[in-house]
Amino acid sequence: MTAARPRVITQSGEPVVHFDLDAVESEARDEHFTFTLGGEVFTMQPPEDADWRVVDDISNGAGLTAFVQELLGNDYEKFAKHKLTSRKLGLLIDECTRFYGITPGESQASKRSSKSTRRR
C-alpha cells in the first residue's frame, strides 16, 4: 500500500482543486424525451443524469422503482397511478435511451469518438 500524497496548499491556505464537479453542467438538449400514457404527457430526464446510487441499485438487480422515480422526477406520482406492464416499461426506457443517444453502460461522449477508435 502506498502512502497518501501530501496535499498541495495555496498561499491562502486552501488545498489546490484539480477538478470541480459542482461546475460541471449537463449538456443541454433543445428537446426533452416526452411520452404519453393514458392520455397524459410525461417527461423523462436522460438516464445518464440519474443519481449514481440509484443506477448502482438498478445494475445490482434492485431499485427499479427508484430508477423510474429518478428519471421522471415531478411526473412520477401521476405516472405511478397508471397500470403498466414490465414489457412496456422496458420499451419506454429503451426509447428514452435511444432518444438521448446512449445505450446501457455507454455515455454520450463515447458515441462522439472518432470512427477510427469506435468499436465495430
PDB file of N, CA and C in Angstrom:
ATOM      1  N   MET A   1       0.849  -1.175   0.000  1.00  0.00           N
ATOM      2  CA  MET A   1       0.000   0.000   0.000  1.00  0.00           C
ATOM      3  C   MET A   1       0.893   1.237   0.000  1.00  0.00           C
ATOM      4  N   THR A   2       0.592   2.183  -0.865  1.00  0.00           N
ATOM      5  CA  THR A   2       1.398   3.373  -0.955  1.00  0.00           C
ATOM      6  C   THR A   2       0.906   4.432   0.020  1.00  0.00           C
ATOM      7  N   ALA A   3       1.818   5.258   0.429  1.00  0.00           N
ATOM      8  CA  ALA A   3       1.472   6.335   1.361  1.00  0.00           C
ATOM      9  C   ALA A   3       0.685   7.413   0.618  1.00  0.00           C
ATOM     10  N   ALA A   4      -0.218   8.062   1.324  1.00  0.00           N
ATOM     11  CA  ALA A   4      -1.002   9.133   0.723  1.00  0.00           C
ATOM     12  C   ALA A   4      -0.101  10.303   0.382  1.00  0.00           C
ATOM     13  N   ARG A   5      -0.373  10.902  -0.766  1.00  0.00           N
ATOM     14  CA  ARG A   5       0.404  12.071  -1.174  1.00  0.00           C
ATOM     15  C   ARG A   5      -0.032  13.273  -0.348  1.00  0.00           C
ATOM     16  N   PRO A   6       0.904  14.111   0.023  1.00  0.00           N
ATOM     17  CA  PRO A   6       0.504  15.314   0.774  1.00  0.00           C
ATOM     18  C   PRO A   6      -0.277  16.266  -0.127  1.00  0.00           C
ATOM     19  N   ARG A   7      -1.198  16.994   0.462  1.00  0.00           N
ATOM     20  CA  ARG A   7      -1.973  17.979  -0.290  1.00  0.00           C
ATOM     21  C   ARG A   7      -1.101  19.174  -0.633  1.00  0.00           C
ATOM     22  N   VAL A   8      -1.365  19.706  -1.819  1.00  0.00           N
ATOM     23  CA  VAL A   8      -0.703  20.947  -2.208  1.00  0.00           C
ATOM     24  C   VAL A   8      -1.602  22.077  -1.731  1.00  0.00           C
ATOM     25  N   ILE A   9      -1.027  22.988  -0.979  1.00  0.00           N
ATOM     26  CA  ILE A   9      -1.788  24.077  -0.377  1.00  0.00           C
ATOM     27  C   ILE A   9      -1.434  25.391  -1.077  1.00  0.00           C
ATOM     28  N   THR A  10      -2.444  26.215  -1.354  1.00  0.00           N
ATOM     29  CA  THR A  10      -2.211  27.516  -1.976  1.00  0.00           C
ATOM     30  C   THR A  10      -1.727  28.503  -0.923  1.00  0.00           C
ATOM     31  N   GLN A  11      -1.354  29.675  -1.358  1.00  0.00           N
ATOM     32  CA  GLN A  11      -0.892  30.708  -0.425  1.00  0.00           C
ATOM     33  C   GLN A  11      -1.992  31.128   0.537  1.00  0.00           C
ATOM     34  N   SER A  12      -3.250  30.975   0.127  1.00  0.00           N
ATOM     35  CA  SER A  12      -4.359  31.347   1.013  1.00  0.00           C
ATOM     36  C   SER A  12      -4.669  30.247   2.029  1.00  0.00           C
ATOM     37  N   GLY A  13      -3.955  29.122   1.943  1.00  0.00           N
ATOM     38  CA  GLY A  13      -4.149  28.043   2.901  1.00  0.00           C
ATOM     39  C   GLY A  13      -5.154  26.992   2.477  1.00  0.00           C
ATOM     40  N   GLU A  14      -5.716  27.132   1.288  1.00  0.00           N
ATOM     41  CA  GLU A  14      -6.697  26.173   0.770  1.00  0.00           C
ATOM     42  C   GLU A  14      -5.994  25.116  -0.081  1.00  0.00           C
ATOM     43  N   PRO A  15      -6.523  23.897  -0.107  1.00  0.00           N
ATOM     44  CA  PRO A  15      -5.926  22.878  -0.976  1.00  0.00           C
ATOM     45  C   PRO A  15      -6.160  23.216  -2.445  1.00  0.00           C
ATOM     46  N   VAL A  16      -5.232  22.821  -3.302  1.00  0.00           N
ATOM     47  CA  VAL A  16      -5.388  23.014  -4.742  1.00  0.00           C
ATOM     48  C   VAL A  16      -6.491  22.078  -5.222  1.00  0.00           C
ATOM     49  N   VAL A  17      -7.419  22.596  -5.995  1.00  0.00           N
ATOM     50  CA  VAL A  17      -8.518  21.803  -6.548  1.00  0.00           C
ATOM     51  C   VAL A  17      -8.232  21.593  -8.028  1.00  0.00           C
ATOM     52  N   HIS A  18      -8.209  20.315  -8.446  1.00  0.00           N
ATOM     53  CA  HIS A  18      -7.894  19.995  -9.834  1.00  0.00           C
ATOM     54  C   HIS A  18      -9.130  19.839 -10.710  1.00  0.00           C
ATOM     55  N   PHE A  19     -10.265  19.555 -10.125  1.00  0.00           N
ATOM     56  CA  PHE A  19     -11.488  19.360 -10.896  1.00  0.00           C
ATOM     57  C   PHE A  19     -12.674  19.722 -10.017  1.00  0.00           C
ATOM     58  N   ASP A  20     -13.569  20.542 -10.522  1.00  0.00           N
ATOM     59  CA  ASP A  20     -14.730  20.998  -9.760  1.00  0.00           C
ATOM     60  C   ASP A  20     -16.000  20.377 -10.337  1.00  0.00           C
ATOM     61  N   LEU A  21     -16.479  19.304  -9.706  1.00  0.00           N
ATOM     62  CA  LEU A  21     -17.711  18.648 -10.175  1.00  0.00           C
ATOM     63  C   LEU A  21     -18.927  19.555 -10.048  1.00  0.00           C
ATOM     64  N   ASP A  22     -18.902  20.482  -9.109  1.00  0.00           N
ATOM     65  CA  ASP A  22     -20.030  21.397  -8.952  1.00  0.00           C
ATOM     66  C   ASP A  22     -20.188  22.301 -10.168  1.00  0.00           C
ATOM     67  N   ALA A  23     -19.111  22.509 -10.909  1.00  0.00           N
ATOM     68  CA  ALA A  23     -19.154  23.394 -12.064  1.00  0.00           C
ATOM     69  C   ALA A  23     -19.550  22.670 -13.351  1.00  0.00           C
ATOM     70  N   VAL A  24     -19.628  21.352 -13.308  1.00  0.00           N
ATOM     71  CA  VAL A  24     -19.965  20.575 -14.499  1.00  0.00           C
ATOM     72  C   VAL A  24     -21.461  20.676 -14.753  1.00  0.00           C
ATOM     73  N   GLU A  25     -21.813  21.113 -15.908  1.00  0.00           N
ATOM     74  CA  GLU A  25     -23.214  21.217 -16.308  1.00  0.00           C
ATOM     75  C   GLU A  25     -23.522  20.097 -17.283  1.00  0.00           C
ATOM     76  N   SER A  26     -24.720  19.574 -17.208  1.00  0.00           N
ATOM     77  CA  SER A  26     -25.159  18.596 -18.195  1.00  0.00           C
ATOM     78  C   SER A  26     -25.284  19.289 -19.541  1.00  0.00           C
ATOM     79  N   GLU A  27     -24.960  18.546 -20.582  1.00  0.00           N
ATOM     80  CA  GLU A  27     -25.139  19.111 -21.906  1.00  0.00           C
ATOM     81  C   GLU A  27     -26.624  19.307 -22.144  1.00  0.00           C
ATOM     82  N   ALA A  28     -26.983  20.532 -22.455  1.00  0.00           N
ATOM     83  CA  ALA A  28     -28.393  20.855 -22.633  1.00  0.00           C
ATOM     84  C   ALA A  28     -28.873  20.388 -24.001  1.00  0.00           C
ATOM     85  N   ARG A  29     -30.071  19.865 -24.030  1.00  0.00           N
ATOM     86  CA  ARG A  29     -30.721  19.500 -25.285  1.00  0.00           C
ATOM     87  C   ARG A  29     -31.862  20.483 -25.488  1.00  0.00           C
ATOM     88  N   ASP A  30     -32.145  20.770 -26.726  1.00  0.00           N
ATOM     89  CA  ASP A  30     -33.255  21.658 -27.018  1.00  0.00           C
ATOM     90  C   ASP A  30     -34.596  20.995 -26.712  1.00  0.00           C
ATOM     91  N   GLU A  31     -34.609  19.674 -26.724  1.00  0.00           N
ATOM     92  CA  GLU A  31     -35.849  18.932 -26.580  1.00  0.00           C
ATOM     93  C   GLU A  31     -35.669  17.824 -25.550  1.00  0.00           C
ATOM     94  N   HIS A  32     -36.668  17.609 -24.718  1.00  0.00           N
ATOM     95  CA  HIS A  32     -36.640  16.535 -23.736  1.00  0.00           C
ATOM     96  C   HIS A  32     -37.472  15.363 -24.246  1.00  0.00           C
ATOM     97  N   PHE A  33     -37.149  14.159 -23.768  1.00  0.00           N
ATOM     98  CA  PHE A  33     -37.909  12.977 -24.145  1.00  0.00           C
ATOM     99  C   PHE A  33     -39.261  13.022 -23.465  1.00  0.00           C
ATOM    100  N   THR A  34     -40.314  13.011 -24.255  1.00  0.00           N
ATOM    101  CA  THR A  34     -41.671  13.004 -23.712  1.00  0.00           C
ATOM    102  C   THR A  34     -42.419  11.805 -24.272  1.00  0.00           C
ATOM    103  N   PHE A  35     -43.397  11.358 -23.530  1.00  0.00           N
ATOM    104  CA  PHE A  35     -44.225  10.234 -23.956  1.00  0.00           C
ATOM    105  C   PHE A  35     -45.607  10.407 -23.357  1.00  0.00           C
ATOM    106  N   THR A  36     -46.549   9.662 -23.918  1.00  0.00           N
ATOM    107  CA  THR A  36     -47.911   9.698 -23.392  1.00  0.00           C
ATOM    108  C   THR A  36     -48.275   8.354 -22.795  1.00  0.00           C
ATOM    109  N   LEU A  37     -49.114   8.412 -21.792  1.00  0.00           N
ATOM    110  CA  LEU A  37     -49.658   7.222 -21.147  1.00  0.00           C
ATOM    111  C   LEU A  37     -51.022   7.616 -20.589  1.00  0.00           C
ATOM    112  N   GLY A  38     -52.049   6.901 -20.989  1.00  0.00           N
ATOM    113  CA  GLY A  38     -53.394   7.218 -20.506  1.00  0.00           C
ATOM    114  C   GLY A  38     -53.835   8.621 -20.840  1.00  0.00           C
ATOM    115  N   GLY A  39     -53.364   9.140 -21.979  1.00  0.00           N
ATOM    116  CA  GLY A  39     -53.741  10.490 -22.406  1.00  0.00           C
ATOM    117  C   GLY A  39     -52.961  11.606 -21.724  1.00  0.00           C
ATOM    118  N   GLU A  40     -52.037  11.267 -20.820  1.00  0.00           N
ATOM    119  CA  GLU A  40     -51.227  12.273 -20.138  1.00  0.00           C
ATOM    120  C   GLU A  40     -49.822  12.315 -20.747  1.00  0.00           C
ATOM    121  N   VAL A  41     -49.194  13.476 -20.700  1.00  0.00           N
ATOM    122  CA  VAL A  41     -47.846  13.648 -21.228  1.00  0.00           C
ATOM    123  C   VAL A  41     -46.857  13.655 -20.068  1.00  0.00           C
ATOM    124  N   PHE A  42     -45.758  12.896 -20.237  1.00  0.00           N
ATOM    125  CA  PHE A  42     -44.708  12.775 -19.231  1.00  0.00           C
ATOM    126  C   PHE A  42     -43.364  13.131 -19.861  1.00  0.00           C
ATOM    127  N   THR A  43     -42.431  13.562 -19.040  1.00  0.00           N
ATOM    128  CA  THR A  43     -41.083  13.889 -19.483  1.00  0.00           C
ATOM    129  C   THR A  43     -40.081  13.090 -18.661  1.00  0.00           C
ATOM    130  N   MET A  44     -39.076  12.509 -19.352  1.00  0.00           N
ATOM    131  CA  MET A  44     -38.019  11.752 -18.668  1.00  0.00           C
ATOM    132  C   MET A  44     -36.679  12.434 -18.903  1.00  0.00           C
ATOM    133  N   GLN A  45     -35.886  12.475 -17.855  1.00  0.00           N
ATOM    134  CA  GLN A  45     -34.528  13.002 -17.989  1.00  0.00           C
ATOM    135  C   GLN A  45     -33.625  11.917 -18.578  1.00  0.00           C
ATOM    136  N   PRO A  46     -32.445  12.275 -19.069  1.00  0.00           N
ATOM    137  CA  PRO A  46     -31.519  11.262 -19.581  1.00  0.00           C
ATOM    138  C   PRO A  46     -31.120  10.288 -18.468  1.00  0.00           C
ATOM    139  N   PRO A  47     -31.153   8.987 -18.733  1.00  0.00           N
ATOM    140  CA  PRO A  47     -30.754   8.024 -17.709  1.00  0.00           C
ATOM    141  C   PRO A  47     -29.341   8.261 -17.171  1.00  0.00           C
ATOM    142  N   GLU A  48     -28.455   8.809 -17.987  1.00  0.00           N
ATOM    143  CA  GLU A  48     -27.096   9.056 -17.519  1.00  0.00           C
ATOM    144  C   GLU A  48     -27.021  10.210 -16.519  1.00  0.00           C
ATOM    145  N   ASP A  49     -28.108  10.970 -16.376  1.00  0.00           N
ATOM    146  CA  ASP A  49     -28.152  12.039 -15.380  1.00  0.00           C
ATOM    147  C   ASP A  49     -28.733  11.567 -14.052  1.00  0.00           C
ATOM    148  N   ALA A  50     -29.115  10.300 -13.966  1.00  0.00           N
ATOM    149  CA  ALA A  50     -29.660   9.753 -12.724  1.00  0.00           C
ATOM    150  C   ALA A  50     -28.567   9.671 -11.662  1.00  0.00           C
ATOM    151  N   ASP A  51     -28.951   9.819 -10.420  1.00  0.00           N
ATOM    152  CA  ASP A  51     -28.016   9.715  -9.295  1.00  0.00           C
ATOM    153  C   ASP A  51     -27.299   8.368  -9.347  1.00  0.00           C
ATOM    154  N   TRP A  52     -26.023   8.360  -9.135  1.00  0.00           N
ATOM    155  CA  TRP A  52     -25.207   7.139  -9.263  1.00  0.00           C
ATOM    156  C   TRP A  52     -25.666   6.027  -8.321  1.00  0.00           C
ATOM    157  N   ARG A  53     -26.181   6.388  -7.144  1.00  0.00           N
ATOM    158  CA  ARG A  53     -26.623   5.354  -6.201  1.00  0.00           C
ATOM    159  C   ARG A  53     -27.853   4.622  -6.731  1.00  0.00           C
ATOM    160  N   VAL A  54     -28.730   5.340  -7.404  1.00  0.00           N
ATOM    161  CA  VAL A  54     -29.913   4.730  -7.989  1.00  0.00           C
ATOM    162  C   VAL A  54     -29.500   3.809  -9.139  1.00  0.00           C
ATOM    163  N   VAL A  55     -28.562   4.272  -9.953  1.00  0.00           N
ATOM    164  CA  VAL A  55     -28.071   3.457 -11.068  1.00  0.00           C
ATOM    165  C   VAL A  55     -27.371   2.207 -10.539  1.00  0.00           C
ATOM    166  N   ASP A  56     -26.616   2.333  -9.466  1.00  0.00           N
ATOM    167  CA  ASP A  56     -25.935   1.180  -8.875  1.00  0.00           C
ATOM    168  C   ASP A  56     -26.957   0.158  -8.382  1.00  0.00           C
ATOM    169  N   ASP A  57     -28.016   0.630  -7.743  1.00  0.00           N
ATOM    170  CA  ASP A  57     -29.061  -0.282  -7.266  1.00  0.00           C
ATOM    171  C   ASP A  57     -29.699  -1.044  -8.422  1.00  0.00           C
ATOM    172  N   ILE A  58     -29.996  -0.343  -9.513  1.00  0.00           N
ATOM    173  CA  ILE A  58     -30.653  -0.994 -10.646  1.00  0.00           C
ATOM    174  C   ILE A  58     -29.703  -1.975 -11.325  1.00  0.00           C
ATOM    175  N   SER A  59     -28.422  -1.656 -11.389  1.00  0.00           N
ATOM    176  CA  SER A  59     -27.469  -2.569 -12.024  1.00  0.00           C
ATOM    177  C   SER A  59     -27.229  -3.809 -11.168  1.00  0.00           C
ATOM    178  N   ASN A  60     -27.554  -3.736  -9.880  1.00  0.00           N
ATOM    179  CA  ASN A  60     -27.428  -4.890  -8.992  1.00  0.00           C
ATOM    180  C   ASN A  60     -28.746  -5.646  -8.829  1.00  0.00           C
ATOM    181  N   GLY A  61     -29.713  -5.353  -9.706  1.00  0.00           N
ATOM    182  CA  GLY A  61     -30.959  -6.111  -9.703  1.00  0.00           C
ATOM    183  C   GLY A  61     -32.018  -5.606  -8.743  1.00  0.00           C
ATOM    184  N   ALA A  62     -31.870  -4.412  -8.220  1.00  0.00           N
ATOM    185  CA  ALA A  62     -32.853  -3.846  -7.295  1.00  0.00           C
ATOM    186  C   ALA A  62     -33.100  -2.387  -7.679  1.00  0.00           C
ATOM    187  N   GLY A  63     -34.096  -1.801  -7.086  1.00  0.00           N
ATOM    188  CA  GLY A  63     -34.294  -0.370  -7.215  1.00  0.00           C
ATOM    189  C   GLY A  63     -34.934   0.120  -8.496  1.00  0.00           C
ATOM    190  N   LEU A  64     -35.713  -0.712  -9.187  1.00  0.00           N
ATOM    191  CA  LEU A  64     -36.355  -0.270 -10.422  1.00  0.00           C
ATOM    192  C   LEU A  64     -37.295   0.906 -10.164  1.00  0.00           C
ATOM    193  N   THR A  65     -38.044   0.833  -9.080  1.00  0.00           N
ATOM    194  CA  THR A  65     -38.962   1.925  -8.749  1.00  0.00           C
ATOM    195  C   THR A  65     -38.195   3.228  -8.520  1.00  0.00           C
ATOM    196  N   ALA A  66     -37.096   3.157  -7.785  1.00  0.00           N
ATOM    197  CA  ALA A  66     -36.291   4.358  -7.527  1.00  0.00           C
ATOM    198  C   ALA A  66     -35.704   4.912  -8.823  1.00  0.00           C
ATOM    199  N   PHE A  67     -35.307   4.026  -9.737  1.00  0.00           N
ATOM    200  CA  PHE A  67     -34.746   4.454 -11.021  1.00  0.00           C
ATOM    201  C   PHE A  67     -35.805   5.185 -11.843  1.00  0.00           C
ATOM    202  N   VAL A  68     -37.004   4.623 -11.937  1.00  0.00           N
ATOM    203  CA  VAL A  68     -38.082   5.259 -12.686  1.00  0.00           C
ATOM    204  C   VAL A  68     -38.457   6.592 -12.034  1.00  0.00           C
ATOM    205  N   GLN A  69     -38.492   6.614 -10.721  1.00  0.00           N
ATOM    206  CA  GLN A  69     -38.793   7.852  -9.997  1.00  0.00           C
ATOM    207  C   GLN A  69     -37.731   8.910 -10.292  1.00  0.00           C
ATOM    208  N   GLU A  70     -36.477   8.507 -10.345  1.00  0.00           N
ATOM    209  CA  GLU A  70     -35.372   9.418 -10.654  1.00  0.00           C
ATOM    210  C   GLU A  70     -35.515   9.984 -12.064  1.00  0.00           C
ATOM    211  N   LEU A  71     -35.862   9.135 -13.022  1.00  0.00           N
ATOM    212  CA  LEU A  71     -35.995   9.584 -14.408  1.00  0.00           C
ATOM    213  C   LEU A  71     -37.184  10.501 -14.627  1.00  0.00           C
ATOM    214  N   LEU A  72     -38.282  10.249 -13.912  1.00  0.00           N
ATOM    215  CA  LEU A  72     -39.496  11.025 -14.117  1.00  0.00           C
ATOM    216  C   LEU A  72     -39.590  12.276 -13.249  1.00  0.00           C
ATOM    217  N   GLY A  73     -38.854  12.309 -12.163  1.00  0.00           N
ATOM    218  CA  GLY A  73     -38.889  13.492 -11.295  1.00  0.00           C
ATOM    219  C   GLY A  73     -40.288  13.812 -10.837  1.00  0.00           C
ATOM    220  N   ASN A  74     -40.733  15.047 -11.085  1.00  0.00           N
ATOM    221  CA  ASN A  74     -42.047  15.502 -10.629  1.00  0.00           C
ATOM    222  C   ASN A  74     -43.207  14.768 -11.291  1.00  0.00           C
ATOM    223  N   ASP A  75     -42.969  14.124 -12.426  1.00  0.00           N
ATOM    224  CA  ASP A  75     -44.028  13.382 -13.112  1.00  0.00           C
ATOM    225  C   ASP A  75     -44.265  11.996 -12.513  1.00  0.00           C
ATOM    226  N   TYR A  76     -43.436  11.569 -11.578  1.00  0.00           N
ATOM    227  CA  TYR A  76     -43.524  10.195 -11.087  1.00  0.00           C
ATOM    228  C   TYR A  76     -44.876   9.877 -10.436  1.00  0.00           C
ATOM    229  N   GLU A  77     -45.383  10.747  -9.608  1.00  0.00           N
ATOM    230  CA  GLU A  77     -46.629  10.472  -8.877  1.00  0.00           C
ATOM    231  C   GLU A  77     -47.793  10.198  -9.830  1.00  0.00           C
ATOM    232  N   LYS A  78     -47.948  11.035 -10.850  1.00  0.00           N
ATOM    233  CA  LYS A  78     -49.055  10.791 -11.785  1.00  0.00           C
ATOM    234  C   LYS A  78     -48.779   9.563 -12.650  1.00  0.00           C
ATOM    235  N   PHE A  79     -47.504   9.272 -12.952  1.00  0.00           N
ATOM    236  CA  PHE A  79     -47.134   8.070 -13.706  1.00  0.00           C
ATOM    237  C   PHE A  79     -47.471   6.807 -12.913  1.00  0.00           C
ATOM    238  N   ALA A  80     -47.167   6.814 -11.620  1.00  0.00           N
ATOM    239  CA  ALA A  80     -47.361   5.637 -10.769  1.00  0.00           C
ATOM    240  C   ALA A  80     -48.829   5.255 -10.621  1.00  0.00           C
ATOM    241  N   LYS A  81     -49.741   6.144 -10.943  1.00  0.00           N
ATOM    242  CA  LYS A  81     -51.170   5.843 -10.858  1.00  0.00           C
ATOM    243  C   LYS A  81     -51.637   4.948 -12.002  1.00  0.00           C
ATOM    244  N   HIS A  82     -50.816   4.833 -13.048  1.00  0.00           N
ATOM    245  CA  HIS A  82     -51.179   4.028 -14.216  1.00  0.00           C
ATOM    246  C   HIS A  82     -50.670   2.597 -14.066  1.00  0.00           C
ATOM    247  N   LYS A  83     -51.463   1.652 -14.551  1.00  0.00           N
ATOM    248  CA  LYS A  83     -51.020   0.265 -14.599  1.00  0.00           C
ATOM    249  C   LYS A  83     -50.164   0.113 -15.863  1.00  0.00           C
ATOM    250  N   LEU A  84     -49.006  -0.510 -15.709  1.00  0.00           N
ATOM    251  CA  LEU A  84     -48.072  -0.639 -16.824  1.00  0.00           C
ATOM    252  C   LEU A  84     -47.337  -1.963 -16.705  1.00  0.00           C
ATOM    253  N   THR A  85     -47.250  -2.707 -17.796  1.00  0.00           N
ATOM    254  CA  THR A  85     -46.539  -3.990 -17.759  1.00  0.00           C
ATOM    255  C   THR A  85     -45.025  -3.771 -17.761  1.00  0.00           C
ATOM    256  N   SER A  86     -44.313  -4.768 -17.314  1.00  0.00           N
ATOM    257  CA  SER A  86     -42.843  -4.703 -17.328  1.00  0.00           C
ATOM    258  C   SER A  86     -42.332  -4.556 -18.747  1.00  0.00           C
ATOM    259  N   ARG A  87     -42.969  -5.225 -19.689  1.00  0.00           N
ATOM    260  CA  ARG A  87     -42.558  -5.137 -21.096  1.00  0.00           C
ATOM    261  C   ARG A  87     -42.664  -3.705 -21.600  1.00  0.00           C
ATOM    262  N   LYS A  88     -43.779  -3.046 -21.306  1.00  0.00           N
ATOM    263  CA  LYS A  88     -43.954  -1.660 -21.753  1.00  0.00           C
ATOM    264  C   LYS A  88     -42.971  -0.725 -21.052  1.00  0.00           C
ATOM    265  N   LEU A  89     -42.713  -0.959 -19.781  1.00  0.00           N
ATOM    266  CA  LEU A  89     -41.735  -0.132 -19.078  1.00  0.00           C
ATOM    267  C   LEU A  89     -40.351  -0.295 -19.706  1.00  0.00           C
ATOM    268  N   GLY A  90     -39.986  -1.530 -20.038  1.00  0.00           N
ATOM    269  CA  GLY A  90     -38.713  -1.774 -20.700  1.00  0.00           C
ATOM    270  C   GLY A  90     -38.620  -1.062 -22.040  1.00  0.00           C
ATOM    271  N   LEU A  91     -39.708  -1.107 -22.815  1.00  0.00           N
ATOM    272  CA  LEU A  91     -39.741  -0.406 -24.102  1.00  0.00           C
ATOM    273  C   LEU A  91     -39.603   1.105 -23.914  1.00  0.00           C
ATOM    274  N   LEU A  92     -40.251   1.617 -22.880  1.00  0.00           N
ATOM    275  CA  LEU A  92     -40.170   3.048 -22.586  1.00  0.00           C
ATOM    276  C   LEU A  92     -38.736   3.462 -22.276  1.00  0.00           C
ATOM    277  N   ILE A  93     -38.062   2.715 -21.433  1.00  0.00           N
ATOM    278  CA  ILE A  93     -36.673   3.042 -21.078  1.00  0.00           C
ATOM    279  C   ILE A  93     -35.764   2.890 -22.296  1.00  0.00           C
ATOM    280  N   ASP A  94     -36.008   1.851 -23.108  1.00  0.00           N
ATOM    281  CA  ASP A  94     -35.231   1.685 -24.341  1.00  0.00           C
ATOM    282  C   ASP A  94     -35.378   2.896 -25.261  1.00  0.00           C
ATOM    283  N   GLU A  95     -36.620   3.354 -25.438  1.00  0.00           N
ATOM    284  CA  GLU A  95     -36.861   4.513 -26.302  1.00  0.00           C
ATOM    285  C   GLU A  95     -36.226   5.777 -25.738  1.00  0.00           C
ATOM    286  N   CYS A  96     -36.281   5.926 -24.424  1.00  0.00           N
ATOM    287  CA  CYS A  96     -35.669   7.093 -23.782  1.00  0.00           C
ATOM    288  C   CYS A  96     -34.161   7.108 -24.017  1.00  0.00           C
ATOM    289  N   THR A  97     -33.510   5.968 -23.809  1.00  0.00           N
ATOM    290  CA  THR A  97     -32.051   5.918 -24.005  1.00  0.00           C
ATOM    291  C   THR A  97     -31.700   6.113 -25.480  1.00  0.00           C
ATOM    292  N   ARG A  98     -32.512   5.577 -26.366  1.00  0.00           N
ATOM    293  CA  ARG A  98     -32.282   5.781 -27.803  1.00  0.00           C
ATOM    294  C   ARG A  98     -32.414   7.259 -28.151  1.00  0.00           C
ATOM    295  N   PHE A  99     -33.428   7.920 -27.601  1.00  0.00           N
ATOM    296  CA  PHE A  99     -33.650   9.342 -27.860  1.00  0.00           C
ATOM    297  C   PHE A  99     -32.434  10.170 -27.433  1.00  0.00           C
ATOM    298  N   TYR A 100     -31.889   9.860 -26.250  1.00  0.00           N
ATOM    299  CA  TYR A 100     -30.752  10.612 -25.736  1.00  0.00           C
ATOM    300  C   TYR A 100     -29.420  10.133 -26.312  1.00  0.00           C
ATOM    301  N   GLY A 101     -29.466   9.081 -27.156  1.00  0.00           N
ATOM    302  CA  GLY A 101     -28.258   8.639 -27.837  1.00  0.00           C
ATOM    303  C   GLY A 101     -27.310   7.835 -26.981  1.00  0.00           C
ATOM    304  N   ILE A 102     -27.847   7.101 -26.013  1.00  0.00           N
ATOM    305  CA  ILE A 102     -26.994   6.282 -25.150  1.00  0.00           C
ATOM    306  C   ILE A 102     -27.514   4.860 -25.113  1.00  0.00           C
ATOM    307  N   THR A 103     -26.645   3.950 -24.741  1.00  0.00           N
ATOM    308  CA  THR A 103     -27.029   2.567 -24.507  1.00  0.00           C
ATOM    309  C   THR A 103     -26.529   2.201 -23.130  1.00  0.00           C
ATOM    310  N   PRO A 104     -27.080   1.185 -22.490  1.00  0.00           N
ATOM    311  CA  PRO A 104     -26.624   0.824 -21.145  1.00  0.00           C
ATOM    312  C   PRO A 104     -25.109   0.645 -21.096  1.00  0.00           C
ATOM    313  N   GLY A 105     -24.487   1.288 -20.126  1.00  0.00           N
ATOM    314  CA  GLY A 105     -23.039   1.176 -19.950  1.00  0.00           C
ATOM    315  C   GLY A 105     -22.243   2.075 -20.862  1.00  0.00           C
ATOM    316  N   GLU A 106     -22.914   2.938 -21.613  1.00  0.00           N
ATOM    317  CA  GLU A 106     -22.216   3.813 -22.546  1.00  0.00           C
ATOM    318  C   GLU A 106     -22.650   5.245 -22.308  1.00  0.00           C
ATOM    319  N   SER A 107     -21.709   6.153 -22.280  1.00  0.00           N
ATOM    320  CA  SER A 107     -22.043   7.562 -22.105  1.00  0.00           C
ATOM    321  C   SER A 107     -22.208   8.216 -23.464  1.00  0.00           C
ATOM    322  N   GLN A 108     -22.786   9.410 -23.491  1.00  0.00           N
ATOM    323  CA  GLN A 108     -22.936  10.138 -24.742  1.00  0.00           C
ATOM    324  C   GLN A 108     -21.574  10.437 -25.339  1.00  0.00           C
ATOM    325  N   ALA A 109     -20.594  10.727 -24.520  1.00  0.00           N
ATOM    326  CA  ALA A 109     -19.278  11.090 -25.024  1.00  0.00           C
ATOM    327  C   ALA A 109     -18.676   9.983 -25.870  1.00  0.00           C
ATOM    328  N   SER A 110     -18.919   8.732 -25.503  1.00  0.00           N
ATOM    329  CA  SER A 110     -18.318   7.644 -26.254  1.00  0.00           C
ATOM    330  C   SER A 110     -18.895   7.536 -27.658  1.00  0.00           C
ATOM    331  N   LYS A 111     -20.116   7.999 -27.875  1.00  0.00           N
ATOM    332  CA  LYS A 111     -20.710   7.964 -29.212  1.00  0.00           C
ATOM    333  C   LYS A 111     -20.063   9.000 -30.115  1.00  0.00           C
ATOM    334  N   ARG A 112     -19.437   9.987 -29.546  1.00  0.00           N
ATOM    335  CA  ARG A 112     -18.827  11.045 -30.330  1.00  0.00           C
ATOM    336  C   ARG A 112     -17.372  10.761 -30.673  1.00  0.00           C
ATOM    337  N   SER A 113     -16.860   9.629 -30.259  1.00  0.00           N
ATOM    338  CA  SER A 113     -15.466   9.320 -30.548  1.00  0.00           C
ATOM    339  C   SER A 113     -15.280   9.160 -32.043  1.00  0.00           C
ATOM    340  N   SER A 114     -14.060   9.298 -32.486  1.00  0.00           N
ATOM    341  CA  SER A 114     -13.798   9.207 -33.911  1.00  0.00           C
ATOM    342  C   SER A 114     -14.090   7.810 -34.426  1.00  0.00           C
ATOM    343  N   LYS A 115     -14.356   7.715 -35.724  1.00  0.00           N
ATOM    344  CA  LYS A 115     -14.674   6.426 -36.321  1.00  0.00           C
ATOM    345  C   LYS A 115     -13.531   5.438 -36.155  1.00  0.00           C
ATOM    346  N   SER A 116     -12.294   5.930 -36.132  1.00  0.00           N
ATOM    347  CA  SER A 116     -11.158   5.029 -36.024  1.00  0.00           C
ATOM    348  C   SER A 116     -11.035   4.395 -34.658  1.00  0.00           C
ATOM    349  N   THR A 117     -11.599   5.034 -33.616  1.00  0.00           N
ATOM    350  CA  THR A 117     -11.497   4.482 -32.267  1.00  0.00           C
ATOM    351  C   THR A 117     -12.771   3.804 -31.805  1.00  0.00           C
ATOM    352  N   ARG A 118     -13.855   3.957 -32.571  1.00  0.00           N
ATOM    353  CA  ARG A 118     -15.125   3.336 -32.213  1.00  0.00           C
ATOM    354  C   ARG A 118     -15.070   1.832 -32.417  1.00  0.00           C
ATOM    355  N   ARG A 119     -15.739   1.096 -31.517  1.00  0.00           N
ATOM    356  CA  ARG A 119     -15.834  -0.352 -31.686  1.00  0.00           C
ATOM    357  C   ARG A 119     -16.669  -0.662 -32.906  1.00  0.00           C
ATOM    358  N   ARG A 120     -16.314  -1.732 -33.586  1.00  0.00           N
ATOM    359  CA  ARG A 120     -17.077  -2.129 -34.778  1.00  0.00           C
ATOM    360  C   ARG A 120     -17.762  -3.407 -34.552  1.00  0.00           C
TER     361      ARG A 120
END
